Structure formats: C-alpha cells, structure tokens
Protein backbone atom coordinates (compact mmCIF):
# COMPACT_ATOMS: atom_id res chain seq x y z
CA MET A 1 -1.06 -14.42 -26.04
CA VAL A 2 -1.72 -15.65 -22.53
CA TRP A 3 0.12 -13.82 -19.91
CA GLN A 4 2.56 -15.49 -17.73
CA ASN A 5 3.72 -13.86 -14.51
CA ILE A 6 7.72 -13.45 -14.28
CA ILE A 7 10.19 -14.24 -11.67
CA ILE A 8 13.62 -12.86 -12.42
CA GLN A 9 16.72 -13.95 -10.57
CA GLY A 10 19.44 -11.31 -10.95
CA ASP A 11 20.47 -7.69 -10.56
CA CYS A 12 17.34 -5.44 -11.11
CA LEU A 13 19.52 -2.88 -13.33
CA ARG A 14 19.84 -5.82 -15.90
CA ALA A 15 16.54 -7.00 -15.36
CA ILE A 16 14.90 -3.62 -16.15
CA GLU A 17 16.98 -3.21 -19.21
CA ASN A 18 15.83 -6.50 -20.45
CA LEU A 19 12.12 -5.78 -19.71
CA THR A 20 12.03 -2.19 -21.19
CA PRO A 21 11.77 -3.01 -25.17
CA GLU A 22 8.65 -5.19 -24.48
CA TYR A 23 7.17 -3.47 -21.29
CA HIS A 24 7.77 -0.06 -22.16
CA GLY A 25 4.69 1.98 -20.78
CA LYS A 26 2.90 -1.05 -19.69
CA ILE A 27 3.54 -1.50 -15.94
CA LYS A 28 0.79 0.31 -13.68
CA LEU A 29 2.81 -0.01 -10.34
CA ILE A 30 6.27 -0.36 -9.19
CA TYR A 31 6.69 -1.04 -5.62
CA ILE A 32 10.25 -1.45 -4.36
CA ASP A 33 11.61 -2.13 -0.91
CA PRO A 34 15.29 -1.66 -1.61
CA PRO A 35 18.24 -1.48 1.01
CA PHE A 36 17.95 1.28 3.52
CA PHE A 37 21.72 1.98 3.93
CA SER A 38 21.23 0.51 7.50
CA GLY A 39 24.74 -1.03 7.78
CA THR A 40 23.23 -4.21 8.68
CA ASP A 41 23.59 -7.86 7.38
CA TYR A 42 20.27 -9.53 6.97
CA SER A 43 19.45 -13.13 7.07
CA LEU A 44 16.54 -15.67 6.80
CA LYS A 45 15.74 -17.40 10.17
CA LYS A 46 15.17 -21.01 8.95
CA ARG A 47 13.65 -23.18 11.38
CA TYR A 48 14.35 -27.25 11.89
CA ASP A 49 11.63 -29.33 13.59
CA GLU A 50 13.62 -32.61 13.33
CA SER A 51 14.32 -32.49 17.06
CA SER A 52 12.11 -34.46 19.68
CA SER A 53 8.93 -33.01 20.87
CA ASN A 54 10.77 -32.08 24.23
CA ASP A 55 13.32 -29.74 22.48
CA SER A 56 13.05 -26.40 21.05
CA PRO A 57 13.22 -26.37 17.24
CA GLU A 58 16.70 -25.26 15.90
CA ILE A 59 16.88 -22.04 14.10
CA GLU A 60 19.60 -21.36 11.33
CA ASP A 61 20.39 -17.94 10.18
CA ILE A 62 21.01 -17.97 6.46
CA LYS A 63 22.52 -14.73 5.06
CA THR A 64 20.20 -13.14 2.45
CA TYR A 65 21.78 -9.86 1.67
CA SER A 66 24.21 -7.12 3.18
CA ASP A 67 23.19 -3.51 3.59
CA LYS A 68 26.81 -2.51 4.20
CA TRP A 69 28.59 -0.35 1.53
CA GLU A 70 32.22 -0.04 1.27
CA GLY A 71 32.19 3.16 -0.75
CA GLY A 72 29.44 4.74 2.11
CA LEU A 73 26.67 6.78 1.23
CA GLU A 74 28.01 7.83 -2.31
CA GLU A 75 28.29 4.29 -3.42
CA TYR A 76 24.80 3.63 -2.10
CA LEU A 77 23.21 6.55 -3.95
CA LYS A 78 24.99 5.79 -7.18
CA PHE A 79 23.46 2.16 -6.87
CA MET A 80 20.01 3.62 -6.38
CA ARG A 81 20.07 6.21 -8.97
CA GLU A 82 21.25 3.96 -11.65
CA ARG A 83 18.09 1.66 -11.11
CA LEU A 84 15.58 4.45 -10.33
CA GLU A 85 16.65 6.16 -13.70
CA LEU A 86 15.19 3.36 -15.68
CA MET A 87 12.09 2.48 -14.00
CA PRO A 88 9.86 5.42 -15.08
CA GLU A 89 10.03 3.96 -18.72
CA LEU A 90 8.19 1.03 -17.72
CA LEU A 91 5.18 2.98 -16.30
CA THR A 92 1.88 3.62 -17.91
CA GLU A 93 0.93 7.31 -18.33
CA ASP A 94 -1.14 6.97 -15.39
CA GLY A 95 1.18 4.43 -13.55
CA SER A 96 3.10 5.31 -10.19
CA ILE A 97 6.01 4.08 -8.26
CA TRP A 98 6.01 3.51 -4.48
CA ILE A 99 9.54 3.33 -2.78
CA HIS A 100 9.77 1.93 0.81
CA LEU A 101 12.51 3.23 3.03
CA ASP A 102 13.10 4.81 6.53
CA PHE A 103 15.02 7.56 7.95
CA HIS A 104 18.54 6.77 6.95
CA VAL A 105 18.07 7.88 3.17
CA ALA A 106 14.51 8.70 2.55
CA HIS A 107 15.48 12.30 2.22
CA TYR A 108 18.36 11.64 -0.17
CA ILE A 109 16.20 9.38 -2.32
CA LYS A 110 13.46 12.06 -2.57
CA THR A 111 15.66 14.45 -3.98
CA ILE A 112 17.02 12.12 -6.81
CA LEU A 113 13.26 11.14 -7.51
CA ASP A 114 12.48 15.00 -7.66
CA GLU A 115 15.09 15.10 -10.57
CA ILE A 116 14.03 11.84 -12.32
CA MET A 117 10.25 11.84 -12.00
CA GLY A 118 9.83 15.64 -11.65
CA TYR A 119 9.04 17.38 -8.38
CA HIS A 120 5.46 18.13 -9.56
CA ASN A 121 4.99 14.43 -9.86
CA PHE A 122 5.51 13.77 -6.18
CA VAL A 123 2.20 12.72 -4.66
CA ASN A 124 2.77 11.50 -1.10
CA GLN A 125 5.06 10.69 1.74
CA ILE A 126 3.25 7.93 3.66
CA ILE A 127 4.36 7.10 7.16
CA TRP A 128 3.77 3.39 8.18
CA LYS A 129 4.12 2.46 11.99
CA ARG A 130 6.39 -0.44 11.48
CA THR A 131 6.79 -1.20 15.01
CA ASN A 132 5.02 -0.99 18.34
CA SER A 133 8.17 -1.09 20.62
CA PRO A 134 10.95 1.23 19.46
CA LYS A 135 14.39 0.41 20.78
CA ILE A 136 15.74 2.54 23.50
CA GLN A 137 18.76 4.99 22.00
CA SER A 138 21.35 6.57 23.83
CA LYS A 139 20.89 9.59 21.64
CA GLY A 140 17.51 10.98 20.50
CA PHE A 141 14.28 9.00 20.18
CA GLY A 142 13.67 5.49 18.99
CA SER A 143 12.25 5.15 15.33
CA GLN A 144 8.86 3.40 15.00
CA HIS A 145 8.21 4.23 11.23
CA ASP A 146 9.05 3.65 7.84
CA ILE A 147 8.53 6.14 4.99
CA ILE A 148 6.89 5.39 1.56
CA LEU A 149 7.44 7.63 -1.28
CA LEU A 150 4.82 7.86 -3.93
CA TYR A 151 5.53 9.40 -7.35
CA ALA A 152 3.10 9.42 -10.28
CA LYS A 153 4.48 8.93 -13.89
CA ASP A 154 2.39 11.93 -14.78
CA SER A 155 0.42 13.58 -11.82
CA SER A 156 -2.31 15.18 -14.16
CA ASN A 157 -3.12 11.57 -15.12
CA PHE A 158 -2.76 9.75 -11.87
CA ARG A 159 -5.60 9.05 -9.31
CA THR A 160 -5.67 6.63 -6.37
CA ASN A 161 -8.62 4.34 -5.77
CA LEU A 162 -10.48 5.28 -2.71
CA VAL A 163 -9.06 3.07 0.09
CA TYR A 164 -10.69 2.78 3.52
CA ARG A 165 -9.75 1.46 6.95
CA GLU A 166 -11.89 0.00 9.51
CA HIS A 167 -14.07 2.19 12.01
CA ASP A 168 -12.29 2.70 15.34
CA GLU A 169 -14.06 3.68 18.61
CA ARG A 170 -13.72 7.22 18.00
CA ALA A 171 -15.02 7.01 14.38
CA LEU A 172 -18.16 5.04 15.60
CA LYS A 173 -19.09 7.61 18.38
CA PRO A 174 -21.12 9.84 16.30
CA TYR A 175 -23.34 6.93 15.11
CA SER A 176 -25.39 7.34 18.31
CA TYR A 177 -29.06 7.35 16.42
CA LYS A 178 -30.73 4.25 15.73
CA ASP A 179 -33.94 3.00 13.87
CA GLU A 180 -35.26 -0.13 12.24
CA ARG A 181 -32.47 0.13 9.57
CA GLY A 182 -29.61 0.43 11.98
CA ARG A 183 -27.20 2.96 13.45
CA PHE A 184 -26.85 6.35 11.85
CA ARG A 185 -25.38 9.81 12.48
CA LEU A 186 -26.65 13.21 11.42
CA ILE A 187 -25.38 15.24 8.53
CA GLU A 188 -25.98 19.12 8.24
CA ILE A 189 -28.21 19.87 5.33
CA GLU A 190 -28.32 23.80 6.39
CA ALA A 191 -25.47 26.13 6.14
CA GLN A 192 -23.66 26.76 9.37
CA GLY A 193 -21.26 29.35 10.74
CA ILE A 194 -19.83 31.74 8.25
CA GLN A 195 -21.49 29.91 5.52
CA ARG A 196 -24.82 30.96 6.91
CA THR A 197 -24.02 34.71 6.54
CA GLU A 198 -22.32 34.91 3.29
CA GLY A 199 -25.47 35.73 1.34
CA ARG A 200 -26.61 31.91 0.86
CA LYS A 201 -30.03 31.85 -0.83
CA ARG A 202 -32.67 30.76 1.60
CA TYR A 203 -35.81 29.01 0.74
CA GLU A 204 -38.75 27.18 2.59
CA TRP A 205 -38.82 23.40 2.52
CA ARG A 206 -41.40 21.49 4.52
CA GLY A 207 -42.30 24.22 6.62
CA ARG A 208 -38.90 25.48 7.42
CA THR A 209 -37.06 28.38 5.77
CA ALA A 210 -33.14 28.07 5.77
CA PRO A 211 -30.02 28.55 3.78
CA TYR A 212 -30.16 24.97 2.54
CA LEU A 213 -26.71 23.38 1.21
CA TYR A 214 -28.78 21.29 -1.43
CA LYS A 215 -31.31 21.88 -4.05
CA ARG A 216 -35.16 21.36 -3.33
CA GLU A 217 -34.99 18.23 -5.78
CA LYS A 218 -32.25 16.55 -3.79
CA LEU A 219 -34.06 17.21 -0.47
CA ASP A 220 -37.27 15.72 -1.81
CA ALA A 221 -35.54 12.71 -3.03
CA TRP A 222 -33.68 11.97 0.49
CA TRP A 223 -37.26 12.43 2.10
CA GLU A 224 -38.69 9.76 -0.20
CA GLN A 225 -35.84 7.47 0.65
CA GLY A 226 -36.45 7.98 4.49
CA LEU A 227 -33.00 9.73 4.73
CA ILE A 228 -34.34 12.89 6.58
CA TYR A 229 -34.28 13.19 10.23
CA GLU A 230 -36.76 15.77 11.77
CA SER A 231 -35.81 17.00 15.24
CA ARG A 232 -38.48 18.24 17.99
CA ASN A 233 -37.92 21.67 16.91
CA ASN A 234 -38.64 20.95 13.36
CA ARG A 235 -35.06 21.15 12.02
CA TYR A 236 -34.00 18.88 9.39
CA SER A 237 -30.76 16.73 9.01
CA LYS A 238 -29.66 13.82 6.78
CA LYS A 239 -29.23 10.32 8.18
CA GLN A 240 -25.99 8.58 7.32
CA TYR A 241 -26.20 4.97 8.13
CA LEU A 242 -23.21 3.13 9.29
CA ALA A 243 -23.81 0.17 7.12
CA ASP A 244 -23.58 2.59 3.99
CA VAL A 245 -20.12 3.88 4.94
CA PRO A 246 -17.11 1.36 4.01
CA GLY A 247 -14.75 2.63 6.52
CA ILE A 248 -12.57 5.86 7.24
CA PRO A 249 -10.86 7.14 4.20
CA VAL A 250 -7.23 6.39 4.41
CA SER A 251 -4.73 9.43 4.93
CA ASP A 252 -0.85 9.48 4.52
CA LEU A 253 -0.60 8.15 8.19
CA TRP A 254 -0.77 4.28 8.16
CA LEU A 255 -1.07 3.42 12.06
CA ASP A 256 -3.62 0.55 11.54
CA ILE A 257 -1.56 -2.06 9.73
CA PRO A 258 0.46 -3.93 12.47
CA PRO A 259 4.06 -5.27 11.93
CA LEU A 260 4.77 -8.94 11.34
CA GLN A 261 5.38 -10.61 14.58
CA GLY A 262 7.32 -13.98 14.60
CA SER A 263 4.18 -15.78 15.54
CA SER A 264 2.20 -14.50 12.66
CA LYS A 265 0.91 -17.21 10.09
CA GLU A 266 2.41 -15.40 7.14
CA TYR A 267 5.90 -14.80 8.72
CA LEU A 268 8.41 -16.69 6.70
CA GLY A 269 11.66 -15.87 8.76
CA PHE A 270 12.77 -13.24 6.36
CA ILE A 271 13.68 -10.49 8.77
CA THR A 272 12.72 -7.41 6.41
CA GLN A 273 9.44 -9.05 5.20
CA LYS A 274 6.44 -6.65 5.03
CA PRO A 275 3.05 -7.64 5.86
CA GLU A 276 0.44 -8.59 3.08
CA ALA A 277 -1.86 -5.93 4.51
CA LEU A 278 0.50 -3.24 3.51
CA LEU A 279 0.69 -4.50 -0.02
CA GLU A 280 -2.86 -4.99 -0.37
CA ARG A 281 -3.56 -1.33 0.33
CA ILE A 282 -0.98 0.08 -1.96
CA ILE A 283 -1.97 -2.41 -4.76
CA HIS A 284 -5.80 -1.66 -4.30
CA ALA A 285 -4.89 2.27 -4.29
CA ALA A 286 -2.80 2.20 -7.30
CA THR A 287 -4.33 -0.63 -9.77
CA ILE A 288 -7.31 -2.58 -10.77
CA LYS A 289 -7.52 -6.26 -11.69
CA ASN A 290 -5.30 -7.38 -14.80
CA ASP A 291 -2.97 -4.46 -14.30
CA ILE A 292 0.85 -5.26 -14.19
CA VAL A 293 2.69 -4.74 -10.78
CA ALA A 294 6.50 -4.99 -10.52
CA ASP A 295 8.83 -5.43 -7.66
CA PHE A 296 12.59 -5.20 -8.31
CA PHE A 297 13.74 -5.90 -4.72
CA ALA A 298 11.26 -8.66 -4.16
CA GLY A 299 12.75 -10.18 -1.02
CA SER A 300 10.19 -12.59 0.52
CA GLY A 301 7.78 -12.08 -2.36
CA THR A 302 4.95 -10.22 -0.53
CA THR A 303 4.09 -8.13 -3.66
CA ALA A 304 4.04 -11.08 -5.90
CA ALA A 305 1.72 -13.06 -3.42
CA VAL A 306 -0.66 -10.22 -2.89
CA ALA A 307 -0.89 -9.50 -6.81
CA GLU A 308 -1.46 -13.01 -7.28
CA LYS A 309 -4.30 -13.12 -4.79
CA THR A 310 -5.99 -9.89 -6.06
CA GLY A 311 -6.06 -10.84 -9.64
CA ARG A 312 -3.11 -8.74 -10.80
CA LYS A 313 -0.23 -9.63 -13.29
CA TRP A 314 3.18 -9.40 -11.84
CA ILE A 315 6.81 -9.40 -12.35
CA ALA A 316 9.26 -9.90 -9.16
CA CYS A 317 12.91 -9.71 -9.30
CA ASP A 318 15.59 -10.32 -6.79
CA TRP A 319 19.24 -11.20 -6.91
CA SER A 320 19.18 -13.52 -4.21
CA GLU A 321 19.04 -17.28 -4.84
CA ILE A 322 17.39 -17.75 -1.46
CA SER A 323 14.68 -15.14 -1.97
CA ILE A 324 13.88 -16.72 -5.42
CA ASP A 325 13.38 -20.03 -3.83
CA LEU A 326 11.31 -18.59 -1.00
CA ILE A 327 8.90 -16.82 -3.41
CA GLN A 328 8.47 -20.06 -5.41
CA LYS A 329 7.45 -22.02 -2.36
CA ARG A 330 5.19 -19.14 -1.27
CA LEU A 331 3.54 -19.03 -4.61
CA GLU A 332 3.03 -22.76 -4.53
CA GLN A 333 1.33 -22.56 -1.29
CA ILE A 334 -1.24 -20.11 -2.82
CA TRP A 335 -1.74 -22.19 -5.83
CA LYS A 336 -2.58 -25.20 -3.58
CA LYS A 337 -5.52 -23.34 -2.35
CA TRP A 338 -6.72 -22.30 -5.85
CA PRO A 339 -10.60 -22.90 -6.58
CA LYS A 340 -11.08 -26.21 -8.22
CA GLY A 341 -11.65 -26.00 -12.04
CA LYS A 342 -9.49 -22.63 -11.96
CA GLU A 343 -6.04 -23.62 -12.93
CA PRO A 344 -3.49 -20.86 -11.82
CA ILE A 345 -1.16 -19.42 -14.59
CA LYS A 346 2.33 -20.29 -12.95
CA ALA A 347 5.20 -18.05 -13.14
CA ASN A 348 8.05 -18.30 -15.52
CA LEU A 349 11.70 -18.03 -13.91
CA VAL A 350 14.24 -16.08 -15.79
CA LYS A 351 17.86 -15.67 -14.91
CA VAL A 352 19.57 -12.51 -16.12
CA ASP A 353 23.35 -11.98 -16.55
CA ASN A 354 24.71 -9.75 -13.92
CA SER A 355 28.02 -9.01 -15.94
C-alpha cells in the first residue's frame, strides 16, 4: 500500500485516539509546539499588496489561537496531560517525543512527562536561543530562550544520529597547519598528564619510545596514509584534516539557529512560526528517511514542510482552519519545485469530530 501523508483538522486529542489503532508503535518522532500558557492571543499577519506602488501594503491580523485559559494553570495542565498521555502509544520502541516550550510551564510539563514516559526515559533539556533582542523587563531579566524537552519511548533503545553545526572562528583556530592536502590540526597519540604516569605500557615506534595511546598496527596504518606528523624533536602526532571533519558536534545548547525575522523568505506571518533549520536538526537527529514524523500542534506547518523535503513520512494536525489552509499552501509551493519526473504523493486531508 502506497503511503499518503496526512493533514488532520481538529483537536489532536480526538486525532490521536483515531490514529492509535492503525499507527500504534509506528511513529518514530513526535514533535509538538503546543500553547505555552503565555496569556496571549496569537494571529496571522496577512499582507495585502493591492495598494499602489507608492503605498505600504496593508497588513491584517487574523486570529489563529488564544493562549488564555479561564481555568488558569490547572486547566492548561489538564489539557496538556490528556494529550500527552496518549502520545507514547504511537511511538516505535526506539522513538522519541520532543516538546517545545518556554519558561512559563516547561518545569510543570517535565514532571507530567516524568510520570507518563518515566524519569529514566528523559534524555535532554535543549536550550534554543530564540531571539537576539530580549525585551527589557521591570523585574528580572529578559528571556531569550525556549526549552525543548526530549524523552525516549525506551532510553535503552534510543540513540540520536550525529548532528553537527558549522565550524565557528574559535573551532577553526587549532587548524593552523597546512600541507598539500589542506589545513589540519594535531591530535596527540602519546598519553599525556596523569595518563602518562598510570603504568601505561611504553614501546618503541619509529625511533621514539613513549606510552602510546594506540596499537602499533594503527600507528603503522596512519603512517602509510600520510596522517602522522613528525616534529623537529622527533615527536609524533596525528594529523586531523579540516576537510574530514563535518563540523562541531551539537550539544544541548542551540545558539546557532537564528530566529525567524519578518524579512525572512520562509516567514509566513505566523507569529509563533519556528525556523525550518530548527526542525531539520530535530528530524535529522531522531529519524532516517521513510520514518514517520508527527506534529499534533502543527501551526504554520514547519514540521510537515521539513519532513516533506527530507524524505520522511508525516502526519500534521491542528484544530485551526487558518493553520490547515496555510499548511496546504506551503506544501503546494514545495511540490511546485519537485524534480521533473518525480511526482509528489500529496497529503490526504482528514477532519475529526471534536465533540
């Protein structure tokens, strides 16, 4: 049976209930960017360019969703718990759930997830720098970051794929050597410091006796490959070429993905829209091609767009008709650029009863 991606309009509580019989244990990644309990009404800024070239285009604010809760924090947490409790049933045994929040309720949601997923299945709290210009506050300090909580279905089965960020000026500094193959830095092959005095076996290799970190066979192989550097005092090191290093391994501090600006080509006027680079990192870290990715608070459709571009199968759900319309238009733009001779498998729209 040919897979067809799914767009669901309706409450994700009902959507997950409807999906569970067929997709139980089949979804590799769930990413959600739910309400933050921010007390704010959000809107889509729609631009009208019908005015004359001398006038600025008109902008209309169209309400997308309200993050105000009459029942306060208790109502919000009940809303979130009901939905989070159902999500793990959809995950594969090596799957994961990533919950995007901020300072308002991340600590409350973590305690709920510890109950639902198990504290031992908590993997990371990721900090993403979401703005370069924090607002000045009368009390405390301006907030610049969001929080992404990462939980595994089963931490003993879960592994992230290696993800790298680009070299920055500091990371490039050690690559100060150069030969016909390019820039390189030196890696120690002898034990240093306390390792040198802990009874490590010493042996002679190419005229130098030292407590080497590697077996003689490995050193011989590197020598044959031209990867050994000999200093003036006959001390050996291994060359690590910049061209062979894909980048800097990503940690839990994500400062290198800039927030969306109004002038950005991918910005659609959806105020809480997340950059595609953020979802690219998450999807590449947690899935491979043809895995199923789900987003139950799809908003502007960034998860679906990135999943489509990277060859993942996907399910996107949002209750807002405005969001659904935006997602469909966004996907149509992607499909227009599809390679000739390779027809996209367009998504199936499903509406669920919220009663």
